[in-house]
Amino acid sequence: MSGQAAAAGTVIRMDGVFDAAAAQRLADALSDANGEQIRVDLTRVREFHDFGIALLARALAGRGRISVSGLRQHQVRLLRYFGIDAGPVDLGEPLELQ
């Protein structure tokens, strides 16, 4: 995981396997970036664990809009099951999650 401050806010990049430990690291990074515009880049994640997505949903609950790129249809569907809305989805574009 890497974080990078950009003119438009913070970009958090994850790679490898998105499991429970990775989701917890991302949740910690999201809480550290409180109040900033946040973009999460998951395009380099090669494997998503469903439990990691559940923890991601918990970290996103109650936060403002966060832009997330790199999710596949299954992960978007899981987030919707957990109450995280992505609106209309074009998987080639970053998603605005709320």
PDB file of N, CA and C in Angstrom:
ATOM      1  N   MET A   1       0.857  -1.167   0.000  1.00  0.00           N
ATOM      2  CA  MET A   1       0.000   0.000   0.000  1.00  0.00           C
ATOM      3  C   MET A   1       0.899   1.224   0.000  1.00  0.00           C
ATOM      4  N   SER A   2       0.492   2.222  -0.765  1.00  0.00           N
ATOM      5  CA  SER A   2       1.205   3.487  -0.744  1.00  0.00           C
ATOM      6  C   SER A   2       0.202   4.618  -0.742  1.00  0.00           C
ATOM      7  N   GLY A   3       0.567   5.675  -0.098  1.00  0.00           N
ATOM      8  CA  GLY A   3      -0.276   6.861  -0.063  1.00  0.00           C
ATOM      9  C   GLY A   3       0.486   8.007  -0.685  1.00  0.00           C
ATOM     10  N   GLN A   4      -0.220   8.876  -1.351  1.00  0.00           N
ATOM     11  CA  GLN A   4       0.432   9.980  -2.026  1.00  0.00           C
ATOM     12  C   GLN A   4      -0.495  11.185  -1.945  1.00  0.00           C
ATOM     13  N   ALA A   5       0.043  12.294  -1.465  1.00  0.00           N
ATOM     14  CA  ALA A   5      -0.752  13.521  -1.423  1.00  0.00           C
ATOM     15  C   ALA A   5      -0.709  14.162  -2.795  1.00  0.00           C
ATOM     16  N   ALA A   6      -1.842  14.502  -3.316  1.00  0.00           N
ATOM     17  CA  ALA A   6      -1.940  15.156  -4.611  1.00  0.00           C
ATOM     18  C   ALA A   6      -2.648  16.483  -4.418  1.00  0.00           C
ATOM     19  N   ALA A   7      -2.600  17.331  -5.440  1.00  0.00           N
ATOM     20  CA  ALA A   7      -3.251  18.634  -5.351  1.00  0.00           C
ATOM     21  C   ALA A   7      -4.737  18.483  -5.072  1.00  0.00           C
ATOM     22  N   ALA A   8      -5.335  17.418  -5.558  1.00  0.00           N
ATOM     23  CA  ALA A   8      -6.777  17.211  -5.402  1.00  0.00           C
ATOM     24  C   ALA A   8      -7.099  16.290  -4.229  1.00  0.00           C
ATOM     25  N   GLY A   9      -6.177  16.071  -3.305  1.00  0.00           N
ATOM     26  CA  GLY A   9      -6.444  15.208  -2.160  1.00  0.00           C
ATOM     27  C   GLY A   9      -5.418  14.102  -2.047  1.00  0.00           C
ATOM     28  N   THR A  10      -5.845  13.013  -1.439  1.00  0.00           N
ATOM     29  CA  THR A  10      -4.967  11.884  -1.176  1.00  0.00           C
ATOM     30  C   THR A  10      -5.315  10.710  -2.074  1.00  0.00           C
ATOM     31  N   VAL A  11      -4.274  10.066  -2.624  1.00  0.00           N
ATOM     32  CA  VAL A  11      -4.447   8.849  -3.407  1.00  0.00           C
ATOM     33  C   VAL A  11      -3.834   7.700  -2.607  1.00  0.00           C
ATOM     34  N   ILE A  12      -4.626   6.663  -2.367  1.00  0.00           N
ATOM     35  CA  ILE A  12      -4.146   5.469  -1.663  1.00  0.00           C
ATOM     36  C   ILE A  12      -4.134   4.332  -2.665  1.00  0.00           C
ATOM     37  N   ARG A  13      -2.954   3.756  -2.890  1.00  0.00           N
ATOM     38  CA  ARG A  13      -2.803   2.664  -3.855  1.00  0.00           C
ATOM     39  C   ARG A  13      -2.533   1.357  -3.125  1.00  0.00           C
ATOM     40  N   MET A  14      -3.247   0.322  -3.550  1.00  0.00           N
ATOM     41  CA  MET A  14      -3.068  -1.013  -2.983  1.00  0.00           C
ATOM     42  C   MET A  14      -2.663  -1.959  -4.117  1.00  0.00           C
ATOM     43  N   ASP A  15      -1.906  -3.000  -3.765  1.00  0.00           N
ATOM     44  CA  ASP A  15      -1.564  -4.009  -4.764  1.00  0.00           C
ATOM     45  C   ASP A  15      -1.541  -5.382  -4.101  1.00  0.00           C
ATOM     46  N   GLY A  16      -1.380  -6.404  -4.913  1.00  0.00           N
ATOM     47  CA  GLY A  16      -1.319  -7.765  -4.400  1.00  0.00           C
ATOM     48  C   GLY A  16      -2.690  -8.329  -4.097  1.00  0.00           C
ATOM     49  N   VAL A  17      -2.839  -8.875  -2.891  1.00  0.00           N
ATOM     50  CA  VAL A  17      -4.073  -9.519  -2.463  1.00  0.00           C
ATOM     51  C   VAL A  17      -4.812  -8.581  -1.506  1.00  0.00           C
ATOM     52  N   PHE A  18      -6.083  -8.345  -1.779  1.00  0.00           N
ATOM     53  CA  PHE A  18      -6.908  -7.519  -0.898  1.00  0.00           C
ATOM     54  C   PHE A  18      -7.665  -8.448   0.038  1.00  0.00           C
ATOM     55  N   ASP A  19      -7.033  -8.746   1.166  1.00  0.00           N
ATOM     56  CA  ASP A  19      -7.625  -9.632   2.164  1.00  0.00           C
ATOM     57  C   ASP A  19      -7.970  -8.806   3.405  1.00  0.00           C
ATOM     58  N   ALA A  20      -8.248  -9.459   4.516  1.00  0.00           N
ATOM     59  CA  ALA A  20      -8.644  -8.750   5.730  1.00  0.00           C
ATOM     60  C   ALA A  20      -7.531  -7.816   6.221  1.00  0.00           C
ATOM     61  N   ALA A  21      -6.288  -8.274   6.170  1.00  0.00           N
ATOM     62  CA  ALA A  21      -5.177  -7.430   6.630  1.00  0.00           C
ATOM     63  C   ALA A  21      -5.025  -6.192   5.746  1.00  0.00           C
ATOM     64  N   ALA A  22      -5.140  -6.371   4.433  1.00  0.00           N
ATOM     65  CA  ALA A  22      -5.047  -5.233   3.511  1.00  0.00           C
ATOM     66  C   ALA A  22      -6.211  -4.270   3.725  1.00  0.00           C
ATOM     67  N   ALA A  23      -7.396  -4.810   3.954  1.00  0.00           N
ATOM     68  CA  ALA A  23      -8.565  -3.968   4.198  1.00  0.00           C
ATOM     69  C   ALA A  23      -8.390  -3.162   5.481  1.00  0.00           C
ATOM     70  N   GLN A  24      -7.784  -3.758   6.499  1.00  0.00           N
ATOM     71  CA  GLN A  24      -7.543  -3.035   7.749  1.00  0.00           C
ATOM     72  C   GLN A  24      -6.524  -1.921   7.540  1.00  0.00           C
ATOM     73  N   ARG A  25      -5.477  -2.175   6.750  1.00  0.00           N
ATOM     74  CA  ARG A  25      -4.503  -1.119   6.436  1.00  0.00           C
ATOM     75  C   ARG A  25      -5.169   0.024   5.685  1.00  0.00           C
ATOM     76  N   LEU A  26      -6.059  -0.322   4.748  1.00  0.00           N
ATOM     77  CA  LEU A  26      -6.773   0.701   4.001  1.00  0.00           C
ATOM     78  C   LEU A  26      -7.712   1.484   4.927  1.00  0.00           C
ATOM     79  N   ALA A  27      -8.405   0.810   5.826  1.00  0.00           N
ATOM     80  CA  ALA A  27      -9.295   1.487   6.773  1.00  0.00           C
ATOM     81  C   ALA A  27      -8.503   2.462   7.647  1.00  0.00           C
ATOM     82  N   ASP A  28      -7.317   2.052   8.078  1.00  0.00           N
ATOM     83  CA  ASP A  28      -6.469   2.939   8.879  1.00  0.00           C
ATOM     84  C   ASP A  28      -6.042   4.159   8.072  1.00  0.00           C
ATOM     85  N   ALA A  29      -5.679   3.949   6.802  1.00  0.00           N
ATOM     86  CA  ALA A  29      -5.281   5.063   5.941  1.00  0.00           C
ATOM     87  C   ALA A  29      -6.453   6.006   5.688  1.00  0.00           C
ATOM     88  N   LEU A  30      -7.660   5.452   5.540  1.00  0.00           N
ATOM     89  CA  LEU A  30      -8.843   6.289   5.342  1.00  0.00           C
ATOM     90  C   LEU A  30      -9.120   7.143   6.577  1.00  0.00           C
ATOM     91  N   SER A  31      -8.945   6.573   7.762  1.00  0.00           N
ATOM     92  CA  SER A  31      -9.191   7.361   8.977  1.00  0.00           C
ATOM     93  C   SER A  31      -8.118   8.423   9.171  1.00  0.00           C
ATOM     94  N   ASP A  32      -6.883   8.148   8.750  1.00  0.00           N
ATOM     95  CA  ASP A  32      -5.811   9.144   8.835  1.00  0.00           C
ATOM     96  C   ASP A  32      -6.040  10.301   7.875  1.00  0.00           C
ATOM     97  N   ALA A  33      -6.732  10.058   6.767  1.00  0.00           N
ATOM     98  CA  ALA A  33      -6.977  11.088   5.751  1.00  0.00           C
ATOM     99  C   ALA A  33      -8.313  11.766   5.967  1.00  0.00           C
ATOM    100  N   ASN A  34      -8.792  11.779   7.177  1.00  0.00           N
ATOM    101  CA  ASN A  34     -10.107  12.319   7.501  1.00  0.00           C
ATOM    102  C   ASN A  34     -10.239  13.766   7.029  1.00  0.00           C
ATOM    103  N   GLY A  35     -11.333  14.054   6.325  1.00  0.00           N
ATOM    104  CA  GLY A  35     -11.615  15.396   5.870  1.00  0.00           C
ATOM    105  C   GLY A  35     -11.036  15.750   4.510  1.00  0.00           C
ATOM    106  N   GLU A  36     -10.181  14.920   3.974  1.00  0.00           N
ATOM    107  CA  GLU A  36      -9.588  15.187   2.671  1.00  0.00           C
ATOM    108  C   GLU A  36     -10.377  14.481   1.576  1.00  0.00           C
ATOM    109  N   GLN A  37     -10.200  14.952   0.347  1.00  0.00           N
ATOM    110  CA  GLN A  37     -10.740  14.219  -0.801  1.00  0.00           C
ATOM    111  C   GLN A  37      -9.840  13.006  -1.002  1.00  0.00           C
ATOM    112  N   ILE A  38     -10.448  11.843  -1.107  1.00  0.00           N
ATOM    113  CA  ILE A  38      -9.676  10.595  -1.147  1.00  0.00           C
ATOM    114  C   ILE A  38      -9.990   9.831  -2.413  1.00  0.00           C
ATOM    115  N   ARG A  39      -8.922   9.319  -3.048  1.00  0.00           N
ATOM    116  CA  ARG A  39      -9.056   8.396  -4.170  1.00  0.00           C
ATOM    117  C   ARG A  39      -8.322   7.116  -3.798  1.00  0.00           C
ATOM    118  N   VAL A  40      -8.988   5.982  -3.984  1.00  0.00           N
ATOM    119  CA  VAL A  40      -8.391   4.678  -3.693  1.00  0.00           C
ATOM    120  C   VAL A  40      -8.170   3.966  -5.025  1.00  0.00           C
ATOM    121  N   ASP A  41      -6.931   3.567  -5.276  1.00  0.00           N
ATOM    122  CA  ASP A  41      -6.565   2.895  -6.517  1.00  0.00           C
ATOM    123  C   ASP A  41      -6.298   1.424  -6.219  1.00  0.00           C
ATOM    124  N   LEU A  42      -7.212   0.564  -6.684  1.00  0.00           N
ATOM    125  CA  LEU A  42      -7.079  -0.883  -6.484  1.00  0.00           C
ATOM    126  C   LEU A  42      -6.774  -1.600  -7.799  1.00  0.00           C
ATOM    127  N   THR A  43      -6.321  -0.864  -8.808  1.00  0.00           N
ATOM    128  CA  THR A  43      -6.101  -1.457 -10.124  1.00  0.00           C
ATOM    129  C   THR A  43      -4.986  -2.502 -10.128  1.00  0.00           C
ATOM    130  N   ARG A  44      -4.088  -2.449  -9.154  1.00  0.00           N
ATOM    131  CA  ARG A  44      -2.996  -3.426  -9.100  1.00  0.00           C
ATOM    132  C   ARG A  44      -3.296  -4.623  -8.209  1.00  0.00           C
ATOM    133  N   VAL A  45      -4.495  -4.649  -7.627  1.00  0.00           N
ATOM    134  CA  VAL A  45      -4.886  -5.794  -6.793  1.00  0.00           C
ATOM    135  C   VAL A  45      -5.197  -6.959  -7.721  1.00  0.00           C
ATOM    136  N   ARG A  46      -4.553  -8.087  -7.482  1.00  0.00           N
ATOM    137  CA  ARG A  46      -4.750  -9.241  -8.372  1.00  0.00           C
ATOM    138  C   ARG A  46      -5.800 -10.215  -7.839  1.00  0.00           C
ATOM    139  N   GLU A  47      -6.113 -10.108  -6.523  1.00  0.00           N
ATOM    140  CA  GLU A  47      -7.094 -11.023  -5.924  1.00  0.00           C
ATOM    141  C   GLU A  47      -7.832 -10.306  -4.798  1.00  0.00           C
ATOM    142  N   PHE A  48      -9.157 -10.379  -4.837  1.00  0.00           N
ATOM    143  CA  PHE A  48      -9.995  -9.784  -3.800  1.00  0.00           C
ATOM    144  C   PHE A  48     -10.627 -10.892  -2.977  1.00  0.00           C
ATOM    145  N   HIS A  49     -10.506 -10.798  -1.657  1.00  0.00           N
ATOM    146  CA  HIS A  49     -11.222 -11.709  -0.766  1.00  0.00           C
ATOM    147  C   HIS A  49     -12.518 -11.018  -0.352  1.00  0.00           C
ATOM    148  N   ASP A  50     -13.603 -11.763  -0.318  1.00  0.00           N
ATOM    149  CA  ASP A  50     -14.898 -11.191   0.018  1.00  0.00           C
ATOM    150  C   ASP A  50     -14.906 -10.568   1.419  1.00  0.00           C
ATOM    151  N   PHE A  51     -14.200 -11.177   2.359  1.00  0.00           N
ATOM    152  CA  PHE A  51     -14.166 -10.610   3.710  1.00  0.00           C
ATOM    153  C   PHE A  51     -13.450  -9.263   3.711  1.00  0.00           C
ATOM    154  N   GLY A  52     -12.436  -9.114   2.865  1.00  0.00           N
ATOM    155  CA  GLY A  52     -11.769  -7.825   2.727  1.00  0.00           C
ATOM    156  C   GLY A  52     -12.719  -6.762   2.213  1.00  0.00           C
ATOM    157  N   ILE A  53     -13.590  -7.138   1.279  1.00  0.00           N
ATOM    158  CA  ILE A  53     -14.588  -6.195   0.754  1.00  0.00           C
ATOM    159  C   ILE A  53     -15.591  -5.838   1.849  1.00  0.00           C
ATOM    160  N   ALA A  54     -15.961  -6.803   2.697  1.00  0.00           N
ATOM    161  CA  ALA A  54     -16.867  -6.515   3.811  1.00  0.00           C
ATOM    162  C   ALA A  54     -16.237  -5.503   4.766  1.00  0.00           C
ATOM    163  N   LEU A  55     -14.950  -5.656   5.039  1.00  0.00           N
ATOM    164  CA  LEU A  55     -14.266  -4.694   5.908  1.00  0.00           C
ATOM    165  C   LEU A  55     -14.137  -3.333   5.231  1.00  0.00           C
ATOM    166  N   LEU A  56     -13.951  -3.326   3.928  1.00  0.00           N
ATOM    167  CA  LEU A  56     -13.914  -2.072   3.180  1.00  0.00           C
ATOM    168  C   LEU A  56     -15.253  -1.358   3.296  1.00  0.00           C
ATOM    169  N   ALA A  57     -16.341  -2.099   3.164  1.00  0.00           N
ATOM    170  CA  ALA A  57     -17.677  -1.505   3.284  1.00  0.00           C
ATOM    171  C   ALA A  57     -17.853  -0.874   4.660  1.00  0.00           C
ATOM    172  N   ARG A  58     -17.388  -1.542   5.687  1.00  0.00           N
ATOM    173  CA  ARG A  58     -17.497  -0.997   7.037  1.00  0.00           C
ATOM    174  C   ARG A  58     -16.683   0.290   7.172  1.00  0.00           C
ATOM    175  N   ALA A  59     -15.504   0.327   6.545  1.00  0.00           N
ATOM    176  CA  ALA A  59     -14.661   1.529   6.606  1.00  0.00           C
ATOM    177  C   ALA A  59     -15.279   2.689   5.820  1.00  0.00           C
ATOM    178  N   LEU A  60     -16.020   2.371   4.752  1.00  0.00           N
ATOM    179  CA  LEU A  60     -16.631   3.409   3.925  1.00  0.00           C
ATOM    180  C   LEU A  60     -17.943   3.924   4.489  1.00  0.00           C
ATOM    181  N   ALA A  61     -18.593   3.137   5.330  1.00  0.00           N
ATOM    182  CA  ALA A  61     -19.905   3.510   5.870  1.00  0.00           C
ATOM    183  C   ALA A  61     -19.799   4.818   6.643  1.00  0.00           C
ATOM    184  N   GLY A  62     -20.680   5.738   6.312  1.00  0.00           N
ATOM    185  CA  GLY A  62     -20.730   7.004   7.019  1.00  0.00           C
ATOM    186  C   GLY A  62     -19.740   8.049   6.544  1.00  0.00           C
ATOM    187  N   ARG A  63     -18.890   7.699   5.621  1.00  0.00           N
ATOM    188  CA  ARG A  63     -17.944   8.676   5.080  1.00  0.00           C
ATOM    189  C   ARG A  63     -18.593   9.364   3.889  1.00  0.00           C
ATOM    190  N   GLY A  64     -18.017  10.460   3.468  1.00  0.00           N
ATOM    191  CA  GLY A  64     -18.483  11.151   2.277  1.00  0.00           C
ATOM    192  C   GLY A  64     -18.123  10.356   1.031  1.00  0.00           C
ATOM    193  N   ARG A  65     -18.087  11.042  -0.071  1.00  0.00           N
ATOM    194  CA  ARG A  65     -17.777  10.382  -1.339  1.00  0.00           C
ATOM    195  C   ARG A  65     -16.290  10.051  -1.411  1.00  0.00           C
ATOM    196  N   ILE A  66     -16.013   8.841  -1.854  1.00  0.00           N
ATOM    197  CA  ILE A  66     -14.638   8.388  -2.070  1.00  0.00           C
ATOM    198  C   ILE A  66     -14.586   7.772  -3.452  1.00  0.00           C
ATOM    199  N   SER A  67     -13.593   8.157  -4.231  1.00  0.00           N
ATOM    200  CA  SER A  67     -13.414   7.621  -5.575  1.00  0.00           C
ATOM    201  C   SER A  67     -12.552   6.366  -5.494  1.00  0.00           C
ATOM    202  N   VAL A  68     -13.061   5.263  -6.050  1.00  0.00           N
ATOM    203  CA  VAL A  68     -12.347   3.987  -6.016  1.00  0.00           C
ATOM    204  C   VAL A  68     -12.234   3.447  -7.437  1.00  0.00           C
ATOM    205  N   SER A  69     -11.027   3.097  -7.845  1.00  0.00           N
ATOM    206  CA  SER A  69     -10.840   2.482  -9.155  1.00  0.00           C
ATOM    207  C   SER A  69     -10.243   1.086  -8.976  1.00  0.00           C
ATOM    208  N   GLY A  70     -10.544   0.206  -9.920  1.00  0.00           N
ATOM    209  CA  GLY A  70      -9.990  -1.138  -9.907  1.00  0.00           C
ATOM    210  C   GLY A  70     -10.920  -2.220  -9.400  1.00  0.00           C
ATOM    211  N   LEU A  71     -12.137  -1.844  -9.000  1.00  0.00           N
ATOM    212  CA  LEU A  71     -13.086  -2.867  -8.554  1.00  0.00           C
ATOM    213  C   LEU A  71     -13.693  -3.578  -9.752  1.00  0.00           C
ATOM    214  N   ARG A  72     -13.986  -4.842  -9.555  1.00  0.00           N
ATOM    215  CA  ARG A  72     -14.676  -5.616 -10.584  1.00  0.00           C
ATOM    216  C   ARG A  72     -16.155  -5.704 -10.216  1.00  0.00           C
ATOM    217  N   GLN A  73     -16.943  -6.226 -11.110  1.00  0.00           N
ATOM    218  CA  GLN A  73     -18.398  -6.266 -10.912  1.00  0.00           C
ATOM    219  C   GLN A  73     -18.785  -6.977  -9.611  1.00  0.00           C
ATOM    220  N   HIS A  74     -18.115  -8.070  -9.300  1.00  0.00           N
ATOM    221  CA  HIS A  74     -18.444  -8.825  -8.087  1.00  0.00           C
ATOM    222  C   HIS A  74     -18.223  -7.973  -6.834  1.00  0.00           C
ATOM    223  N   GLN A  75     -17.122  -7.229  -6.782  1.00  0.00           N
ATOM    224  CA  GLN A  75     -16.835  -6.402  -5.617  1.00  0.00           C
ATOM    225  C   GLN A  75     -17.843  -5.249  -5.497  1.00  0.00           C
ATOM    226  N   VAL A  76     -18.223  -4.662  -6.629  1.00  0.00           N
ATOM    227  CA  VAL A  76     -19.237  -3.601  -6.614  1.00  0.00           C
ATOM    228  C   VAL A  76     -20.562  -4.156  -6.085  1.00  0.00           C
ATOM    229  N   ARG A  77     -20.919  -5.343  -6.526  1.00  0.00           N
ATOM    230  CA  ARG A  77     -22.155  -5.979  -6.065  1.00  0.00           C
ATOM    231  C   ARG A  77     -22.106  -6.227  -4.554  1.00  0.00           C
ATOM    232  N   LEU A  78     -20.978  -6.728  -4.046  1.00  0.00           N
ATOM    233  CA  LEU A  78     -20.851  -6.950  -2.607  1.00  0.00           C
ATOM    234  C   LEU A  78     -20.996  -5.644  -1.827  1.00  0.00           C
ATOM    235  N   LEU A  79     -20.370  -4.578  -2.317  1.00  0.00           N
ATOM    236  CA  LEU A  79     -20.488  -3.291  -1.634  1.00  0.00           C
ATOM    237  C   LEU A  79     -21.939  -2.829  -1.590  1.00  0.00           C
ATOM    238  N   ARG A  80     -22.671  -3.061  -2.673  1.00  0.00           N
ATOM    239  CA  ARG A  80     -24.093  -2.694  -2.676  1.00  0.00           C
ATOM    240  C   ARG A  80     -24.868  -3.512  -1.650  1.00  0.00           C
ATOM    241  N   TYR A  81     -24.544  -4.799  -1.517  1.00  0.00           N
ATOM    242  CA  TYR A  81     -25.206  -5.630  -0.511  1.00  0.00           C
ATOM    243  C   TYR A  81     -24.985  -5.064   0.893  1.00  0.00           C
ATOM    244  N   PHE A  82     -23.812  -4.464   1.116  1.00  0.00           N
ATOM    245  CA  PHE A  82     -23.478  -3.895   2.416  1.00  0.00           C
ATOM    246  C   PHE A  82     -23.937  -2.446   2.563  1.00  0.00           C
ATOM    247  N   GLY A  83     -24.685  -1.935   1.573  1.00  0.00           N
ATOM    248  CA  GLY A  83     -25.256  -0.608   1.688  1.00  0.00           C
ATOM    249  C   GLY A  83     -24.410   0.522   1.154  1.00  0.00           C
ATOM    250  N   ILE A  84     -23.329   0.204   0.446  1.00  0.00           N
ATOM    251  CA  ILE A  84     -22.474   1.233  -0.144  1.00  0.00           C
ATOM    252  C   ILE A  84     -22.904   1.399  -1.591  1.00  0.00           C
ATOM    253  N   ASP A  85     -23.390   2.576  -1.938  1.00  0.00           N
ATOM    254  CA  ASP A  85     -23.934   2.825  -3.272  1.00  0.00           C
ATOM    255  C   ASP A  85     -22.862   3.353  -4.205  1.00  0.00           C
ATOM    256  N   ALA A  86     -22.834   2.812  -5.410  1.00  0.00           N
ATOM    257  CA  ALA A  86     -21.876   3.260  -6.415  1.00  0.00           C
ATOM    258  C   ALA A  86     -22.558   3.967  -7.571  1.00  0.00           C
ATOM    259  N   GLY A  87     -23.883   4.057  -7.541  1.00  0.00           N
ATOM    260  CA  GLY A  87     -24.586   4.679  -8.664  1.00  0.00           C
ATOM    261  C   GLY A  87     -24.383   3.863  -9.920  1.00  0.00           C
ATOM    262  N   PRO A  88     -24.565   4.487 -11.096  1.00  0.00           N
ATOM    263  CA  PRO A  88     -24.318   3.777 -12.352  1.00  0.00           C
ATOM    264  C   PRO A  88     -22.839   3.394 -12.452  1.00  0.00           C
ATOM    265  N   VAL A  89     -22.562   2.203 -12.947  1.00  0.00           N
ATOM    266  CA  VAL A  89     -21.195   1.695 -12.937  1.00  0.00           C
ATOM    267  C   VAL A  89     -20.659   1.511 -14.351  1.00  0.00           C
ATOM    268  N   ASP A  90     -19.499   2.127 -14.595  1.00  0.00           N
ATOM    269  CA  ASP A  90     -18.681   1.871 -15.775  1.00  0.00           C
ATOM    270  C   ASP A  90     -17.334   1.426 -15.219  1.00  0.00           C
ATOM    271  N   LEU A  91     -17.053   0.130 -15.272  1.00  0.00           N
ATOM    272  CA  LEU A  91     -15.863  -0.404 -14.603  1.00  0.00           C
ATOM    273  C   LEU A  91     -14.568   0.145 -15.176  1.00  0.00           C
ATOM    274  N   GLY A  92     -14.610   0.812 -16.313  1.00  0.00           N
ATOM    275  CA  GLY A  92     -13.415   1.437 -16.856  1.00  0.00           C
ATOM    276  C   GLY A  92     -13.097   2.785 -16.222  1.00  0.00           C
ATOM    277  N   GLU A  93     -14.043   3.297 -15.434  1.00  0.00           N
ATOM    278  CA  GLU A  93     -13.887   4.609 -14.790  1.00  0.00           C
ATOM    279  C   GLU A  93     -13.874   4.444 -13.266  1.00  0.00           C
ATOM    280  N   PRO A  94     -13.208   5.369 -12.547  1.00  0.00           N
ATOM    281  CA  PRO A  94     -13.288   5.315 -11.085  1.00  0.00           C
ATOM    282  C   PRO A  94     -14.724   5.454 -10.605  1.00  0.00           C
ATOM    283  N   LEU A  95     -15.054   4.740  -9.544  1.00  0.00           N
ATOM    284  CA  LEU A  95     -16.389   4.783  -8.962  1.00  0.00           C
ATOM    285  C   LEU A  95     -16.430   5.802  -7.842  1.00  0.00           C
ATOM    286  N   GLU A  96     -17.507   6.547  -7.748  1.00  0.00           N
ATOM    287  CA  GLU A  96     -17.751   7.434  -6.626  1.00  0.00           C
ATOM    288  C   GLU A  96     -18.626   6.679  -5.643  1.00  0.00           C
ATOM    289  N   LEU A  97     -18.055   6.267  -4.524  1.00  0.00           N
ATOM    290  CA  LEU A  97     -18.798   5.492  -3.537  1.00  0.00           C
ATOM    291  C   LEU A  97     -19.285   6.407  -2.441  1.00  0.00           C
ATOM    292  N   GLN A  98     -20.487   6.138  -1.973  1.00  0.00           N
ATOM    293  CA  GLN A  98     -21.022   6.911  -0.848  1.00  0.00           C
ATOM    294  C   GLN A  98     -21.821   6.022   0.067  1.00  0.00           C
TER     295      GLN A  98
END
